[in-house]
Amino acid sequence: MSRSNKELVCHFLEEVVNRGNTHLLPELVAPDHVRHAPDGDLYGPEGMRIELHEWRLGFPDLELAIEDLIEEGDRVVSRFVLRGTHRGVFLATPATGQRVEVAGIGVDRIQQGRLAESWISFDGLGLLRQLGGEMTAR
């Protein structure tokens, strides 16, 4: 049974991001997948597994809540909010115990029933501020 692109993205976000079931990555993410984000590109299911592992180390209770989900052709756009408690090192910042909430948007291109390419943007500056980081002028 094939699922819609929207269902695929929902399944990925719920099972992999929220529940940490990274063993599903090869089933849901194409081997040549590219994830584009301001902090650099990641490649394939293994790149995604490493990134999720880093987020989970910093925020063991990480949860992604979908606010909007729009499907158009082979693309799915998600507006989301990430929430979690900073209980481990993240971006070289030691655990603060701070509860954070970060808004973001993702665009996923689906090909042959798997994520083929993703564009992610989230409020990284807002995240750093919530963790107590300061920005300095150059």
Protein backbone atom coordinates (compact mmCIF):
# COMPACT_ATOMS: atom_id res chain seq x y z
CA MET A 1 0.00 0.00 0.00
CA SER A 2 1.46 3.33 -0.97
CA ARG A 3 1.01 6.39 1.20
CA SER A 4 0.62 10.01 0.19
CA ASN A 5 3.62 12.31 0.33
CA LYS A 6 2.02 14.08 3.29
CA GLU A 7 1.58 10.78 5.14
CA LEU A 8 5.23 9.92 4.45
CA VAL A 9 6.46 13.21 5.95
CA CYS A 10 4.14 12.83 8.97
CA HIS A 11 5.36 9.26 9.50
CA PHE A 12 9.01 10.38 9.25
CA LEU A 13 8.54 13.27 11.69
CA GLU A 14 6.59 11.22 14.22
CA GLU A 15 8.59 7.99 14.11
CA VAL A 16 12.11 9.21 13.42
CA VAL A 17 12.27 12.72 14.89
CA ASN A 18 9.85 12.38 17.81
CA ARG A 19 10.36 8.73 18.73
CA GLY A 20 13.99 8.38 17.67
CA ASN A 21 13.39 5.32 15.47
CA THR A 22 16.40 5.96 13.26
CA HIS A 23 16.39 2.34 12.07
CA LEU A 24 13.54 3.48 9.76
CA LEU A 25 15.77 5.99 7.93
CA PRO A 26 16.79 3.68 5.04
CA GLU A 27 13.10 2.95 4.39
CA LEU A 28 12.04 6.61 4.47
CA VAL A 29 15.10 8.50 3.16
CA ALA A 30 16.70 7.93 -0.25
CA PRO A 31 20.39 6.93 -0.27
CA ASP A 32 21.27 10.08 -2.25
CA HIS A 33 19.09 12.40 -0.11
CA VAL A 34 20.45 15.90 0.48
CA ARG A 35 19.33 18.04 3.42
CA HIS A 36 20.01 21.73 2.86
CA ALA A 37 20.17 24.06 5.87
CA PRO A 38 22.00 27.24 6.83
CA ASP A 39 24.55 25.22 8.85
CA GLY A 40 25.46 23.07 5.83
CA ASP A 41 24.27 20.13 3.79
CA LEU A 42 23.87 16.57 5.04
CA TYR A 43 23.81 13.50 2.84
CA GLY A 44 21.81 10.27 2.94
CA PRO A 45 20.16 8.46 5.82
CA GLU A 46 23.45 8.35 7.76
CA GLY A 47 23.87 12.13 7.67
CA MET A 48 20.35 12.50 8.97
CA ARG A 49 20.97 9.89 11.70
CA ILE A 50 24.06 11.77 12.91
CA GLU A 51 22.20 15.09 13.04
CA LEU A 52 19.25 13.60 14.93
CA HIS A 53 21.65 11.94 17.35
CA GLU A 54 23.27 15.32 18.11
CA TRP A 55 19.86 16.93 18.71
CA ARG A 56 18.82 14.03 20.98
CA LEU A 57 22.05 14.28 22.99
CA GLY A 58 21.33 17.93 23.68
CA PHE A 59 17.56 17.56 24.02
CA PRO A 60 16.61 14.02 25.08
CA ASP A 61 12.92 14.97 25.26
CA LEU A 62 12.95 16.59 21.79
CA GLU A 63 9.50 16.88 20.25
CA LEU A 64 8.50 18.31 16.89
CA ALA A 65 4.91 19.55 16.62
CA ILE A 66 3.51 20.10 13.13
CA GLU A 67 1.59 23.37 12.89
CA ASP A 68 0.82 23.24 9.15
CA LEU A 69 1.38 20.62 6.45
CA ILE A 70 0.84 21.39 2.77
CA GLU A 71 1.30 19.00 -0.14
CA GLU A 72 1.76 20.17 -3.71
CA GLY A 73 2.96 17.69 -6.32
CA ASP A 74 6.17 16.04 -5.12
CA ARG A 75 6.72 18.64 -2.35
CA VAL A 76 5.50 18.76 1.23
CA VAL A 77 5.89 21.94 3.28
CA SER A 78 5.78 21.71 7.05
CA ARG A 79 5.66 24.55 9.55
CA PHE A 80 6.76 23.18 12.88
CA VAL A 81 7.80 23.96 16.43
CA LEU A 82 10.65 22.07 18.11
CA ARG A 83 10.48 21.80 21.89
CA GLY A 84 12.86 20.25 24.34
CA THR A 85 14.87 20.60 27.52
CA HIS A 86 18.60 21.29 27.16
CA ARG A 87 20.02 18.42 29.22
CA GLY A 88 23.20 17.68 27.26
CA VAL A 89 25.90 19.42 25.24
CA PHE A 90 24.53 21.00 22.07
CA LEU A 91 26.47 23.27 19.69
CA ALA A 92 29.34 23.24 22.20
CA THR A 93 27.01 24.64 24.87
CA PRO A 94 26.89 22.63 28.12
CA ALA A 95 23.48 21.63 29.44
CA THR A 96 21.54 24.53 30.91
CA GLY A 97 18.32 22.75 31.93
CA GLN A 98 16.54 25.42 29.88
CA ARG A 99 13.28 24.49 28.14
CA VAL A 100 13.37 25.76 24.54
CA GLU A 101 10.86 26.31 21.76
CA VAL A 102 12.02 26.96 18.19
CA ALA A 103 9.90 27.59 15.08
CA GLY A 104 10.91 26.32 11.66
CA ILE A 105 9.84 25.42 8.15
CA GLY A 106 10.79 22.41 6.07
CA VAL A 107 10.26 21.61 2.42
CA ASP A 108 10.65 17.97 1.42
CA ARG A 109 10.79 16.62 -2.13
CA ILE A 110 9.50 13.08 -2.39
CA GLN A 111 10.66 10.62 -5.04
CA GLN A 112 9.69 6.96 -5.28
CA GLY A 113 8.12 6.96 -1.82
CA ARG A 114 11.12 8.37 0.05
CA LEU A 115 12.51 11.77 1.04
CA ALA A 116 14.84 12.76 -1.80
CA GLU A 117 15.76 16.32 -0.85
CA SER A 118 14.95 18.61 2.07
CA TRP A 119 15.31 22.31 2.79
CA ILE A 120 15.16 23.24 6.48
CA SER A 121 15.09 26.67 8.08
CA PHE A 122 14.62 27.35 11.78
CA ASP A 123 15.23 30.13 14.26
CA GLY A 124 18.80 29.24 15.25
CA LEU A 125 19.43 32.67 16.76
CA GLY A 126 16.31 32.29 18.91
CA LEU A 127 17.58 28.88 20.03
CA LEU A 128 20.97 30.29 21.03
CA ARG A 129 19.30 33.12 22.94
CA GLN A 130 17.13 30.65 24.84
CA LEU A 131 20.27 28.73 25.79
CA GLY A 132 21.81 31.93 27.14
CA GLY A 133 24.12 32.67 24.22
CA GLU A 134 24.96 36.22 23.29
CA MET A 135 25.59 37.73 19.91
CA THR A 136 28.43 40.20 19.53
CA ALA A 137 28.66 42.85 16.84
CA ARG A 138 31.49 42.54 14.36
